[in-house]
PDB file of N, CA and C in Angstrom:
ATOM      1  N   MET A   1     -17.764   0.336 -24.789  1.00  0.00           N
ATOM      2  CA  MET A   1     -17.525   1.203 -23.641  1.00  0.00           C
ATOM      3  C   MET A   1     -17.300   0.374 -22.380  1.00  0.00           C
ATOM      4  N   LYS A   2     -18.075  -0.731 -22.227  1.00  0.00           N
ATOM      5  CA  LYS A   2     -17.899  -1.579 -21.051  1.00  0.00           C
ATOM      6  C   LYS A   2     -16.497  -2.183 -21.036  1.00  0.00           C
ATOM      7  N   THR A   3     -15.983  -2.537 -22.210  1.00  0.00           N
ATOM      8  CA  THR A   3     -14.648  -3.117 -22.295  1.00  0.00           C
ATOM      9  C   THR A   3     -13.591  -2.125 -21.837  1.00  0.00           C
ATOM     10  N   ALA A   4     -13.729  -0.865 -22.249  1.00  0.00           N
ATOM     11  CA  ALA A   4     -12.750   0.155 -21.854  1.00  0.00           C
ATOM     12  C   ALA A   4     -12.778   0.386 -20.351  1.00  0.00           C
ATOM     13  N   ILE A   5     -13.976   0.437 -19.766  1.00  0.00           N
ATOM     14  CA  ILE A   5     -14.088   0.642 -18.311  1.00  0.00           C
ATOM     15  C   ILE A   5     -13.507  -0.557 -17.578  1.00  0.00           C
ATOM     16  N   GLY A   6     -13.811  -1.773 -18.060  1.00  0.00           N
ATOM     17  CA  GLY A   6     -13.270  -2.978 -17.432  1.00  0.00           C
ATOM     18  C   GLY A   6     -11.763  -3.015 -17.480  1.00  0.00           C
ATOM     19  N   ALA A   7     -11.194  -2.645 -18.641  1.00  0.00           N
ATOM     20  CA  ALA A   7      -9.738  -2.634 -18.781  1.00  0.00           C
ATOM     21  C   ALA A   7      -9.113  -1.600 -17.857  1.00  0.00           C
ATOM     22  N   ALA A   8      -9.759  -0.436 -17.739  1.00  0.00           N
ATOM     23  CA  ALA A   8      -9.234   0.608 -16.850  1.00  0.00           C
ATOM     24  C   ALA A   8      -9.288   0.158 -15.398  1.00  0.00           C
ATOM     25  N   LEU A   9     -10.363  -0.512 -15.000  1.00  0.00           N
ATOM     26  CA  LEU A   9     -10.483  -0.993 -13.619  1.00  0.00           C
ATOM     27  C   LEU A   9      -9.409  -2.037 -13.322  1.00  0.00           C
ATOM     28  N   ILE A  10      -9.165  -2.937 -14.262  1.00  0.00           N
ATOM     29  CA  ILE A  10      -8.123  -3.947 -14.060  1.00  0.00           C
ATOM     30  C   ILE A  10      -6.755  -3.280 -13.921  1.00  0.00           C
ATOM     31  N   ALA A  11      -6.492  -2.259 -14.748  1.00  0.00           N
ATOM     32  CA  ALA A  11      -5.210  -1.550 -14.673  1.00  0.00           C
ATOM     33  C   ALA A  11      -5.039  -0.886 -13.311  1.00  0.00           C
ATOM     34  N   VAL A  12      -6.101  -0.266 -12.792  1.00  0.00           N
ATOM     35  CA  VAL A  12      -6.021   0.400 -11.487  1.00  0.00           C
ATOM     36  C   VAL A  12      -5.778  -0.625 -10.390  1.00  0.00           C
ATOM     37  N   ILE A  13      -6.471  -1.752 -10.453  1.00  0.00           N
ATOM     38  CA  ILE A  13      -6.301  -2.780  -9.422  1.00  0.00           C
ATOM     39  C   ILE A  13      -4.881  -3.347  -9.473  1.00  0.00           C
ATOM     40  N   MET A  14      -4.370  -3.601 -10.677  1.00  0.00           N
ATOM     41  CA  MET A  14      -3.015  -4.144 -10.787  1.00  0.00           C
ATOM     42  C   MET A  14      -1.974  -3.154 -10.303  1.00  0.00           C
ATOM     43  N   CYS A  15      -2.161  -1.874 -10.577  1.00  0.00           N
ATOM     44  CA  CYS A  15      -1.208  -0.870 -10.083  1.00  0.00           C
ATOM     45  C   CYS A  15      -1.218  -0.843  -8.568  1.00  0.00           C
ATOM     46  N   GLY A  16      -2.406  -0.962  -7.978  1.00  0.00           N
ATOM     47  CA  GLY A  16      -2.515  -0.963  -6.522  1.00  0.00           C
ATOM     48  C   GLY A  16      -1.806  -2.143  -5.902  1.00  0.00           C
ATOM     49  N   CYS A  17      -1.889  -3.307  -6.571  1.00  0.00           N
ATOM     50  CA  CYS A  17      -1.234  -4.497  -6.048  1.00  0.00           C
ATOM     51  C   CYS A  17       0.275  -4.419  -6.195  1.00  0.00           C
ATOM     52  N   ALA A  18       0.755  -3.696  -7.190  1.00  0.00           N
ATOM     53  CA  ALA A  18       2.193  -3.647  -7.447  1.00  0.00           C
ATOM     54  C   ALA A  18       2.917  -2.611  -6.594  1.00  0.00           C
ATOM     55  N   SER A  19       2.187  -1.761  -5.898  1.00  0.00           N
ATOM     56  CA  SER A  19       2.843  -0.682  -5.155  1.00  0.00           C
ATOM     57  C   SER A  19       3.135  -1.113  -3.721  1.00  0.00           C
ATOM     58  N   LYS A  20       4.242  -1.780  -3.530  1.00  0.00           N
ATOM     59  CA  LYS A  20       4.650  -2.227  -2.214  1.00  0.00           C
ATOM     60  C   LYS A  20       5.987  -1.583  -1.879  1.00  0.00           C
ATOM     61  N   THR A  21       6.164  -1.227  -0.594  1.00  0.00           N
ATOM     62  CA  THR A  21       7.406  -0.571  -0.189  1.00  0.00           C
ATOM     63  C   THR A  21       8.320  -1.502   0.594  1.00  0.00           C
ATOM     64  N   GLY A  22       7.929  -2.753   0.795  1.00  0.00           N
ATOM     65  CA  GLY A  22       8.712  -3.672   1.613  1.00  0.00           C
ATOM     66  C   GLY A  22      10.147  -3.825   1.161  1.00  0.00           C
ATOM     67  N   ASN A  23      10.372  -4.010  -0.133  1.00  0.00           N
ATOM     68  CA  ASN A  23      11.731  -4.216  -0.628  1.00  0.00           C
ATOM     69  C   ASN A  23      12.580  -2.960  -0.529  1.00  0.00           C
ATOM     70  N   ILE A  24      11.961  -1.808  -0.526  1.00  0.00           N
ATOM     71  CA  ILE A  24      12.703  -0.551  -0.472  1.00  0.00           C
ATOM     72  C   ILE A  24      13.245  -0.287   0.923  1.00  0.00           C
ATOM     73  N   VAL A  25      12.490  -0.622   1.945  1.00  0.00           N
ATOM     74  CA  VAL A  25      12.848  -0.206   3.299  1.00  0.00           C
ATOM     75  C   VAL A  25      13.201  -1.357   4.242  1.00  0.00           C
ATOM     76  N   THR A  26      13.318  -2.579   3.736  1.00  0.00           N
ATOM     77  CA  THR A  26      13.582  -3.719   4.608  1.00  0.00           C
ATOM     78  C   THR A  26      14.988  -4.262   4.375  1.00  0.00           C
ATOM     79  N   ALA A  27      15.659  -4.575   5.459  1.00  0.00           N
ATOM     80  CA  ALA A  27      17.002  -5.166   5.392  1.00  0.00           C
ATOM     81  C   ALA A  27      16.979  -6.507   6.105  1.00  0.00           C
ATOM     82  N   GLU A  28      17.831  -7.398   5.642  1.00  0.00           N
ATOM     83  CA  GLU A  28      17.962  -8.687   6.311  1.00  0.00           C
ATOM     84  C   GLU A  28      19.408  -8.856   6.736  1.00  0.00           C
ATOM     85  N   MET A  29      19.589  -9.248   8.008  1.00  0.00           N
ATOM     86  CA  MET A  29      20.934  -9.473   8.529  1.00  0.00           C
ATOM     87  C   MET A  29      21.043 -10.920   8.977  1.00  0.00           C
ATOM     88  N   VAL A  30      22.223 -11.503   8.779  1.00  0.00           N
ATOM     89  CA  VAL A  30      22.475 -12.879   9.197  1.00  0.00           C
ATOM     90  C   VAL A  30      23.708 -12.879  10.097  1.00  0.00           C
ATOM     91  N   PHE A  31      23.558 -13.456  11.288  1.00  0.00           N
ATOM     92  CA  PHE A  31      24.673 -13.591  12.225  1.00  0.00           C
ATOM     93  C   PHE A  31      24.942 -15.080  12.406  1.00  0.00           C
ATOM     94  N   ARG A  32      26.210 -15.472  12.242  1.00  0.00           N
ATOM     95  CA  ARG A  32      26.586 -16.876  12.407  1.00  0.00           C
ATOM     96  C   ARG A  32      27.635 -16.986  13.506  1.00  0.00           C
ATOM     97  N   HIS A  33      27.421 -17.972  14.349  1.00  0.00           N
ATOM     98  CA  HIS A  33      28.404 -18.281  15.396  1.00  0.00           C
ATOM     99  C   HIS A  33      28.465 -19.794  15.478  1.00  0.00           C
ATOM    100  N   GLY A  34      29.533 -20.356  14.948  1.00  0.00           N
ATOM    101  CA  GLY A  34      29.631 -21.821  14.895  1.00  0.00           C
ATOM    102  C   GLY A  34      28.551 -22.367  13.959  1.00  0.00           C
ATOM    103  N   THR A  35      27.739 -23.262  14.487  1.00  0.00           N
ATOM    104  CA  THR A  35      26.651 -23.826  13.677  1.00  0.00           C
ATOM    105  C   THR A  35      25.344 -23.075  13.872  1.00  0.00           C
ATOM    106  N   ASN A  36      25.337 -22.096  14.771  1.00  0.00           N
ATOM    107  CA  ASN A  36      24.119 -21.316  15.022  1.00  0.00           C
ATOM    108  C   ASN A  36      24.004 -20.174  14.022  1.00  0.00           C
ATOM    109  N   GLU A  37      22.794 -19.873  13.631  1.00  0.00           N
ATOM    110  CA  GLU A  37      22.546 -18.776  12.698  1.00  0.00           C
ATOM    111  C   GLU A  37      21.308 -18.015  13.149  1.00  0.00           C
ATOM    112  N   VAL A  38      21.404 -16.687  13.139  1.00  0.00           N
ATOM    113  CA  VAL A  38      20.283 -15.825  13.493  1.00  0.00           C
ATOM    114  C   VAL A  38      20.015 -14.910  12.297  1.00  0.00           C
ATOM    115  N   ARG A  39      18.767 -14.877  11.837  1.00  0.00           N
ATOM    116  CA  ARG A  39      18.370 -13.996  10.732  1.00  0.00           C
ATOM    117  C   ARG A  39      17.399 -12.956  11.277  1.00  0.00           C
ATOM    118  N   ILE A  40      17.675 -11.696  10.952  1.00  0.00           N
ATOM    119  CA  ILE A  40      16.800 -10.602  11.377  1.00  0.00           C
ATOM    120  C   ILE A  40      16.368  -9.843  10.138  1.00  0.00           C
ATOM    121  N   SER A  41      15.065  -9.725   9.954  1.00  0.00           N
ATOM    122  CA  SER A  41      14.509  -8.920   8.871  1.00  0.00           C
ATOM    123  C   SER A  41      13.842  -7.723   9.529  1.00  0.00           C
ATOM    124  N   GLN A  42      14.270  -6.520   9.158  1.00  0.00           N
ATOM    125  CA  GLN A  42      13.802  -5.318   9.849  1.00  0.00           C
ATOM    126  C   GLN A  42      13.893  -4.111   8.925  1.00  0.00           C
ATOM    127  N   PRO A  43      13.277  -2.995   9.316  1.00  0.00           N
ATOM    128  CA  PRO A  43      13.439  -1.772   8.518  1.00  0.00           C
ATOM    129  C   PRO A  43      14.909  -1.378   8.452  1.00  0.00           C
ATOM    130  N   LYS A  44      15.320  -0.808   7.305  1.00  0.00           N
ATOM    131  CA  LYS A  44      16.730  -0.454   7.111  1.00  0.00           C
ATOM    132  C   LYS A  44      17.232   0.584   8.109  1.00  0.00           C
ATOM    133  N   ASP A  45      16.346   1.415   8.604  1.00  0.00           N
ATOM    134  CA  ASP A  45      16.790   2.445   9.536  1.00  0.00           C
ATOM    135  C   ASP A  45      16.554   2.038  10.991  1.00  0.00           C
ATOM    136  N   THR A  46      16.636   0.746  11.258  1.00  0.00           N
ATOM    137  CA  THR A  46      16.523   0.226  12.608  1.00  0.00           C
ATOM    138  C   THR A  46      17.937  -0.063  13.130  1.00  0.00           C
ATOM    139  N   SER A  47      18.115   0.176  14.399  1.00  0.00           N
ATOM    140  CA  SER A  47      19.433  -0.097  14.966  1.00  0.00           C
ATOM    141  C   SER A  47      19.293  -0.718  16.344  1.00  0.00           C
ATOM    142  N   PHE A  48      20.344  -1.376  16.779  1.00  0.00           N
ATOM    143  CA  PHE A  48      20.401  -1.895  18.139  1.00  0.00           C
ATOM    144  C   PHE A  48      21.840  -1.842  18.595  1.00  0.00           C
ATOM    145  N   GLU A  49      22.024  -1.837  19.905  1.00  0.00           N
ATOM    146  CA  GLU A  49      23.367  -1.702  20.459  1.00  0.00           C
ATOM    147  C   GLU A  49      24.089  -3.030  20.527  1.00  0.00           C
ATOM    148  N   ASP A  50      23.371  -4.095  20.887  1.00  0.00           N
ATOM    149  CA  ASP A  50      24.036  -5.377  21.093  1.00  0.00           C
ATOM    150  C   ASP A  50      23.053  -6.502  20.824  1.00  0.00           C
ATOM    151  N   LEU A  51      23.564  -7.610  20.258  1.00  0.00           N
ATOM    152  CA  LEU A  51      22.774  -8.810  20.012  1.00  0.00           C
ATOM    153  C   LEU A  51      23.509  -9.972  20.650  1.00  0.00           C
ATOM    154  N   MET A  52      22.820 -10.726  21.505  1.00  0.00           N
ATOM    155  CA  MET A  52      23.440 -11.854  22.175  1.00  0.00           C
ATOM    156  C   MET A  52      22.607 -13.099  21.939  1.00  0.00           C
ATOM    157  N   VAL A  53      23.263 -14.210  21.637  1.00  0.00           N
ATOM    158  CA  VAL A  53      22.605 -15.502  21.491  1.00  0.00           C
ATOM    159  C   VAL A  53      23.187 -16.422  22.555  1.00  0.00           C
ATOM    160  N   SER A  54      22.320 -16.958  23.387  1.00  0.00           N
ATOM    161  CA  SER A  54      22.767 -17.854  24.446  1.00  0.00           C
ATOM    162  C   SER A  54      23.137 -19.206  23.839  1.00  0.00           C
ATOM    163  N   PRO A  55      24.373 -19.656  24.035  1.00  0.00           N
ATOM    164  CA  PRO A  55      24.774 -20.951  23.456  1.00  0.00           C
ATOM    165  C   PRO A  55      24.058 -22.132  24.106  1.00  0.00           C
ATOM    166  N   SER A  56      23.594 -21.952  25.339  1.00  0.00           N
ATOM    167  CA  SER A  56      22.975 -23.085  26.031  1.00  0.00           C
ATOM    168  C   SER A  56      21.549 -23.366  25.551  1.00  0.00           C
ATOM    169  N   ASP A  57      20.720 -22.315  25.423  1.00  0.00           N
ATOM    170  CA  ASP A  57      19.321 -22.566  25.040  1.00  0.00           C
ATOM    171  C   ASP A  57      18.891 -21.829  23.771  1.00  0.00           C
ATOM    172  N   GLY A  58      19.798 -21.080  23.135  1.00  0.00           N
ATOM    173  CA  GLY A  58      19.476 -20.394  21.885  1.00  0.00           C
ATOM    174  C   GLY A  58      18.661 -19.127  22.048  1.00  0.00           C
ATOM    175  N   THR A  59      18.495 -18.647  23.275  1.00  0.00           N
ATOM    176  CA  THR A  59      17.746 -17.414  23.523  1.00  0.00           C
ATOM    177  C   THR A  59      18.465 -16.233  22.877  1.00  0.00           C
ATOM    178  N   ILE A  60      17.689 -15.363  22.238  1.00  0.00           N
ATOM    179  CA  ILE A  60      18.248 -14.174  21.582  1.00  0.00           C
ATOM    180  C   ILE A  60      17.880 -12.953  22.405  1.00  0.00           C
ATOM    181  N   ARG A  61      18.874 -12.119  22.686  1.00  0.00           N
ATOM    182  CA  ARG A  61      18.634 -10.876  23.418  1.00  0.00           C
ATOM    183  C   ARG A  61      19.153  -9.713  22.575  1.00  0.00           C
ATOM    184  N   VAL A  62      18.293  -8.746  22.365  1.00  0.00           N
ATOM    185  CA  VAL A  62      18.665  -7.549  21.615  1.00  0.00           C
ATOM    186  C   VAL A  62      18.640  -6.390  22.598  1.00  0.00           C
ATOM    187  N   LYS A  63      19.730  -5.629  22.632  1.00  0.00           N
ATOM    188  CA  LYS A  63      19.849  -4.534  23.589  1.00  0.00           C
ATOM    189  C   LYS A  63      19.676  -3.197  22.876  1.00  0.00           C
ATOM    190  N   LYS A  64      18.817  -2.337  23.426  1.00  0.00           N
ATOM    191  CA  LYS A  64      18.544  -0.981  22.923  1.00  0.00           C
ATOM    192  C   LYS A  64      18.138  -0.973  21.443  1.00  0.00           C
ATOM    193  N   TYR A  65      17.071  -1.697  21.152  1.00  0.00           N
ATOM    194  CA  TYR A  65      16.525  -1.751  19.786  1.00  0.00           C
ATOM    195  C   TYR A  65      15.804  -0.440  19.502  1.00  0.00           C
ATOM    196  N   ARG A  66      16.184   0.232  18.419  1.00  0.00           N
ATOM    197  CA  ARG A  66      15.574   1.513  18.056  1.00  0.00           C
ATOM    198  C   ARG A  66      15.089   1.421  16.618  1.00  0.00           C
ATOM    199  N   SER A  67      13.872   1.875  16.391  1.00  0.00           N
ATOM    200  CA  SER A  67      13.321   1.802  15.040  1.00  0.00           C
ATOM    201  C   SER A  67      12.596   3.094  14.691  1.00  0.00           C
ATOM    202  N   THR A  68      12.921   3.638  13.536  1.00  0.00           N
ATOM    203  CA  THR A  68      12.174   4.754  12.977  1.00  0.00           C
ATOM    204  C   THR A  68      11.855   4.377  11.542  1.00  0.00           C
ATOM    205  N   ALA A  69      10.601   4.517  11.159  1.00  0.00           N
ATOM    206  CA  ALA A  69      10.179   4.122   9.815  1.00  0.00           C
ATOM    207  C   ALA A  69      10.792   5.040   8.770  1.00  0.00           C
ATOM    208  N   ASN A  70      10.972   4.523   7.584  1.00  0.00           N
ATOM    209  CA  ASN A  70      11.466   5.319   6.465  1.00  0.00           C
ATOM    210  C   ASN A  70      10.295   6.188   5.998  1.00  0.00           C
ATOM    211  N   GLU A  71      10.224   7.381   6.536  1.00  0.00           N
ATOM    212  CA  GLU A  71       9.072   8.253   6.332  1.00  0.00           C
ATOM    213  C   GLU A  71       8.869   8.638   4.877  1.00  0.00           C
ATOM    214  N   ALA A  72       9.938   8.830   4.135  1.00  0.00           N
ATOM    215  CA  ALA A  72       9.793   9.233   2.729  1.00  0.00           C
ATOM    216  C   ALA A  72       9.138   8.133   1.911  1.00  0.00           C
ATOM    217  N   ALA A  73       9.535   6.876   2.122  1.00  0.00           N
ATOM    218  CA  ALA A  73       8.949   5.767   1.367  1.00  0.00           C
ATOM    219  C   ALA A  73       7.483   5.570   1.735  1.00  0.00           C
ATOM    220  N   ILE A  74       7.171   5.678   3.018  1.00  0.00           N
ATOM    221  CA  ILE A  74       5.794   5.505   3.459  1.00  0.00           C
ATOM    222  C   ILE A  74       4.923   6.640   2.934  1.00  0.00           C
ATOM    223  N   ALA A  75       5.405   7.876   3.015  1.00  0.00           N
ATOM    224  CA  ALA A  75       4.636   9.021   2.507  1.00  0.00           C
ATOM    225  C   ALA A  75       4.403   8.889   1.009  1.00  0.00           C
ATOM    226  N   SER A  76       5.405   8.428   0.280  1.00  0.00           N
ATOM    227  CA  SER A  76       5.262   8.241  -1.160  1.00  0.00           C
ATOM    228  C   SER A  76       4.206   7.192  -1.476  1.00  0.00           C
ATOM    229  N   ALA A  77       4.225   6.076  -0.755  1.00  0.00           N
ATOM    230  CA  ALA A  77       3.234   5.019  -0.974  1.00  0.00           C
ATOM    231  C   ALA A  77       1.824   5.511  -0.629  1.00  0.00           C
ATOM    232  N   GLU A  78       1.707   6.303   0.438  1.00  0.00           N
ATOM    233  CA  GLU A  78       0.398   6.842   0.811  1.00  0.00           C
ATOM    234  C   GLU A  78      -0.126   7.798  -0.257  1.00  0.00           C
ATOM    235  N   LYS A  79       0.746   8.665  -0.775  1.00  0.00           N
ATOM    236  CA  LYS A  79       0.328   9.599  -1.833  1.00  0.00           C
ATOM    237  C   LYS A  79      -0.080   8.848  -3.095  1.00  0.00           C
ATOM    238  N   GLN A  80       0.652   7.790  -3.423  1.00  0.00           N
ATOM    239  CA  GLN A  80       0.309   6.988  -4.594  1.00  0.00           C
ATOM    240  C   GLN A  80      -1.057   6.330  -4.404  1.00  0.00           C
ATOM    241  N   ALA A  81      -1.318   5.808  -3.219  1.00  0.00           N
ATOM    242  CA  ALA A  81      -2.608   5.179  -2.946  1.00  0.00           C
ATOM    243  C   ALA A  81      -3.745   6.200  -3.037  1.00  0.00           C
ATOM    244  N   GLU A  82      -3.510   7.400  -2.511  1.00  0.00           N
ATOM    245  CA  GLU A  82      -4.528   8.457  -2.594  1.00  0.00           C
ATOM    246  C   GLU A  82      -4.801   8.847  -4.045  1.00  0.00           C
ATOM    247  N   ALA A  83      -3.746   8.950  -4.847  1.00  0.00           N
ATOM    248  CA  ALA A  83      -3.910   9.304  -6.264  1.00  0.00           C
ATOM    249  C   ALA A  83      -4.674   8.212  -7.004  1.00  0.00           C
ATOM    250  N   GLN A  84      -4.372   6.948  -6.705  1.00  0.00           N
ATOM    251  CA  GLN A  84      -5.088   5.851  -7.346  1.00  0.00           C
ATOM    252  C   GLN A  84      -6.556   5.841  -6.940  1.00  0.00           C
ATOM    253  N   ALA A  85      -6.842   6.116  -5.668  1.00  0.00           N
ATOM    254  CA  ALA A  85      -8.230   6.175  -5.217  1.00  0.00           C
ATOM    255  C   ALA A  85      -8.973   7.321  -5.893  1.00  0.00           C
ATOM    256  N   ALA A  86      -8.309   8.472  -6.035  1.00  0.00           N
ATOM    257  CA  ALA A  86      -8.940   9.614  -6.710  1.00  0.00           C
ATOM    258  C   ALA A  86      -9.208   9.297  -8.178  1.00  0.00           C
ATOM    259  N   MET A  87      -8.256   8.625  -8.836  1.00  0.00           N
ATOM    260  CA  MET A  87      -8.448   8.262 -10.235  1.00  0.00           C
ATOM    261  C   MET A  87      -9.598   7.266 -10.388  1.00  0.00           C
ATOM    262  N   PHE A  88      -9.659   6.296  -9.513  1.00  0.00           N
ATOM    263  CA  PHE A  88     -10.735   5.307  -9.541  1.00  0.00           C
ATOM    264  C   PHE A  88     -12.084   5.987  -9.307  1.00  0.00           C
ATOM    265  N   GLY A  89     -12.143   6.909  -8.341  1.00  0.00           N
ATOM    266  CA  GLY A  89     -13.377   7.656  -8.071  1.00  0.00           C
ATOM    267  C   GLY A  89     -13.799   8.496  -9.263  1.00  0.00           C
ATOM    268  N   ALA A  90     -12.832   9.130  -9.927  1.00  0.00           N
ATOM    269  CA  ALA A  90     -13.135   9.939 -11.108  1.00  0.00           C
ATOM    270  C   ALA A  90     -13.665   9.066 -12.236  1.00  0.00           C
ATOM    271  N   MET A  91     -13.115   7.865 -12.381  1.00  0.00           N
ATOM    272  CA  MET A  91     -13.611   6.951 -13.414  1.00  0.00           C
ATOM    273  C   MET A  91     -15.049   6.535 -13.129  1.00  0.00           C
ATOM    274  N   ILE A  92     -15.342   6.234 -11.879  1.00  0.00           N
ATOM    275  CA  ILE A  92     -16.713   5.853 -11.514  1.00  0.00           C
ATOM    276  C   ILE A  92     -17.658   7.029 -11.757  1.00  0.00           C
ATOM    277  N   GLN A  93     -17.257   8.225 -11.334  1.00  0.00           N
ATOM    278  CA  GLN A  93     -18.099   9.412 -11.520  1.00  0.00           C
ATOM    279  C   GLN A  93     -18.338   9.656 -13.010  1.00  0.00           C
ATOM    280  N   SER A  94     -17.314   9.517 -13.823  1.00  0.00           N
ATOM    281  CA  SER A  94     -17.450   9.723 -15.269  1.00  0.00           C
ATOM    282  C   SER A  94     -18.411   8.704 -15.873  1.00  0.00           C
ATOM    283  N   ALA A  95     -18.298   7.441 -15.456  1.00  0.00           N
ATOM    284  CA  ALA A  95     -19.205   6.406 -15.958  1.00  0.00           C
ATOM    285  C   ALA A  95     -20.643   6.706 -15.548  1.00  0.00           C
ATOM    286  N   ARG A  96     -20.846   7.155 -14.318  1.00  0.00           N
ATOM    287  CA  ARG A  96     -22.196   7.531 -13.865  1.00  0.00           C
ATOM    288  C   ARG A  96     -22.745   8.693 -14.671  1.00  0.00           C
ATOM    289  N   ASP A  97     -21.904   9.713 -14.888  1.00  0.00           N
ATOM    290  CA  ASP A  97     -22.342  10.888 -15.641  1.00  0.00           C
ATOM    291  C   ASP A  97     -22.739  10.511 -17.067  1.00  0.00           C
ATOM    292  N   MET A  98     -21.930   9.651 -17.702  1.00  0.00           N
ATOM    293  CA  MET A  98     -22.254   9.232 -19.070  1.00  0.00           C
ATOM    294  C   MET A  98     -23.546   8.422 -19.103  1.00  0.00           C
ATOM    295  N   SER A  99     -23.716   7.548 -18.120  1.00  0.00           N
ATOM    296  CA  SER A  99     -24.933   6.742 -18.040  1.00  0.00           C
ATOM    297  C   SER A  99     -26.160   7.630 -17.847  1.00  0.00           C
ATOM    298  N   ASP A 100     -26.056   8.595 -16.944  1.00  0.00           N
ATOM    299  CA  ASP A 100     -27.177   9.509 -16.697  1.00  0.00           C
ATOM    300  C   ASP A 100     -27.496  10.339 -17.938  1.00  0.00           C
ATOM    301  N   ALA A 101     -26.456  10.818 -18.629  1.00  0.00           N
ATOM    302  CA  ALA A 101     -26.666  11.611 -19.840  1.00  0.00           C
ATOM    303  C   ALA A 101     -27.352  10.774 -20.918  1.00  0.00           C
ATOM    304  N   TYR A 102     -26.942   9.517 -21.067  1.00  0.00           N
ATOM    305  CA  TYR A 102     -27.544   8.628 -22.056  1.00  0.00           C
ATOM    306  C   TYR A 102     -29.024   8.406 -21.739  1.00  0.00           C
ATOM    307  N   MET A 103     -29.326   8.173 -20.468  1.00  0.00           N
ATOM    308  CA  MET A 103     -30.723   7.954 -20.083  1.00  0.00           C
ATOM    309  C   MET A 103     -31.562   9.204 -20.318  1.00  0.00           C
ATOM    310  N   ARG A 104     -31.022  10.376 -19.979  1.00  0.00           N
ATOM    311  CA  ARG A 104     -31.759  11.619 -20.208  1.00  0.00           C
ATOM    312  C   ARG A 104     -32.030  11.838 -21.701  1.00  0.00           C
ATOM    313  N   MET A 105     -31.032  11.512 -22.554  1.00  0.00           N
ATOM    314  CA  MET A 105     -31.209  11.661 -24.005  1.00  0.00           C
ATOM    315  C   MET A 105     -32.340  10.771 -24.514  1.00  0.00           C
ATOM    316  N   ASN A 106     -32.595   9.661 -23.840  1.00  0.00           N
ATOM    317  CA  ASN A 106     -33.637   8.735 -24.257  1.00  0.00           C
ATOM    318  C   ASN A 106     -34.918   8.910 -23.462  1.00  0.00           C
ATOM    319  N   GLY A 107     -35.054  10.031 -22.766  1.00  0.00           N
ATOM    320  CA  GLY A 107     -36.286  10.368 -22.073  1.00  0.00           C
ATOM    321  C   GLY A 107     -36.525   9.650 -20.768  1.00  0.00           C
ATOM    322  N   ILE A 108     -35.501   9.060 -20.206  1.00  0.00           N
ATOM    323  CA  ILE A 108     -35.639   8.355 -18.931  1.00  0.00           C
ATOM    324  C   ILE A 108     -35.267   9.314 -17.817  1.00  0.00           C
ATOM    325  N   PRO A 109     -36.196   9.529 -16.863  1.00  0.00           N
ATOM    326  CA  PRO A 109     -35.876  10.459 -15.768  1.00  0.00           C
ATOM    327  C   PRO A 109     -34.759   9.885 -14.879  1.00  0.00           C
ATOM    328  N   VAL A 110     -33.848  10.761 -14.477  1.00  0.00           N
ATOM    329  CA  VAL A 110     -32.703  10.354 -13.653  1.00  0.00           C
ATOM    330  C   VAL A 110     -32.688  11.210 -12.389  1.00  0.00           C
ATOM    331  N   GLN A 111     -32.587  10.540 -11.248  1.00  0.00           N
ATOM    332  CA  GLN A 111     -32.495  11.240  -9.968  1.00  0.00           C
ATOM    333  C   GLN A 111     -31.062  11.729  -9.763  1.00  0.00           C
ATOM    334  N   PRO A 112     -30.881  12.897  -9.159  1.00  0.00           N
ATOM    335  CA  PRO A 112     -29.517  13.363  -8.870  1.00  0.00           C
ATOM    336  C   PRO A 112     -28.814  12.401  -7.902  1.00  0.00           C
ATOM    337  N   ARG A 113     -27.523  12.213  -8.103  1.00  0.00           N
ATOM    338  CA  ARG A 113     -26.742  11.311  -7.248  1.00  0.00           C
ATOM    339  C   ARG A 113     -25.716  12.114  -6.457  1.00  0.00           C
ATOM    340  N   GLN A 114     -25.312  11.533  -5.345  1.00  0.00           N
ATOM    341  CA  GLN A 114     -24.219  12.121  -4.565  1.00  0.00           C
ATOM    342  C   GLN A 114     -22.917  11.889  -5.330  1.00  0.00           C
ATOM    343  N   PRO A 115     -22.005  12.853  -5.320  1.00  0.00           N
ATOM    344  CA  PRO A 115     -20.714  12.626  -5.988  1.00  0.00           C
ATOM    345  C   PRO A 115     -19.959  11.477  -5.320  1.00  0.00           C
ATOM    346  N   VAL A 116     -19.105  10.822  -6.090  1.00  0.00           N
ATOM    347  CA  VAL A 116     -18.303   9.721  -5.579  1.00  0.00           C
ATOM    348  C   VAL A 116     -17.266  10.283  -4.618  1.00  0.00           C
ATOM    349  N   SER A 117     -17.152   9.662  -3.445  1.00  0.00           N
ATOM    350  CA  SER A 117     -16.180  10.103  -2.452  1.00  0.00           C
ATOM    351  C   SER A 117     -14.952   9.197  -2.521  1.00  0.00           C
ATOM    352  N   THR A 118     -13.783   9.812  -2.520  1.00  0.00           N
ATOM    353  CA  THR A 118     -12.531   9.031  -2.498  1.00  0.00           C
ATOM    354  C   THR A 118     -11.759   9.325  -1.227  1.00  0.00           C
ATOM    355  N   ASN A 119     -12.457   9.665  -0.169  1.00  0.00           N
ATOM    356  CA  ASN A 119     -11.799   9.964   1.094  1.00  0.00           C
ATOM    357  C   ASN A 119     -11.183   8.677   1.633  1.00  0.00           C
ATOM    358  N   THR A 120      -9.857   8.619   1.692  1.00  0.00           N
ATOM    359  CA  THR A 120      -9.145   7.433   2.160  1.00  0.00           C
ATOM    360  C   THR A 120      -8.643   7.572   3.590  1.00  0.00           C
ATOM    361  N   ALA A 121      -9.006   8.650   4.251  1.00  0.00           N
ATOM    362  CA  ALA A 121      -8.519   8.875   5.624  1.00  0.00           C
ATOM    363  C   ALA A 121      -9.127   7.839   6.564  1.00  0.00           C
ATOM    364  N   ALA A 122      -8.322   7.321   7.466  1.00  0.00           N
ATOM    365  CA  ALA A 122      -8.804   6.350   8.453  1.00  0.00           C
ATOM    366  C   ALA A 122      -9.718   7.063   9.445  1.00  0.00           C
ATOM    367  N   LYS A 123     -10.756   6.367   9.811  1.00  0.00           N
ATOM    368  CA  LYS A 123     -11.714   6.957  10.759  1.00  0.00           C
ATOM    369  C   LYS A 123     -11.593   6.339  12.105  1.00  0.00           C
TER     370      LYS A 123
END
């Protein structure tokens, strides 16, 4: 039983590590002028009106930079994280319930426990 719980915990942790939205919503742009090169990595739905590079000192000026996050990708990642937290909480609660039931079957008194909370809301 410990092996199954350990394997499930590893699977949940690995899924959490693999759920990244950076590649979905990030764009990279390269501007070349002579031997100068400017690389900009930004959200795909970001825009600007004008980009200027000073040839004398290399200063970069961006005019009217506007950014709005890709709300669908972020909402999807948040929902996935909430679902993973709920699944992890349910696994912990199930393990506690089985442990308590086993102890009760063997005559060991068990104190009631608070249910596992998976509230992921920022405080």
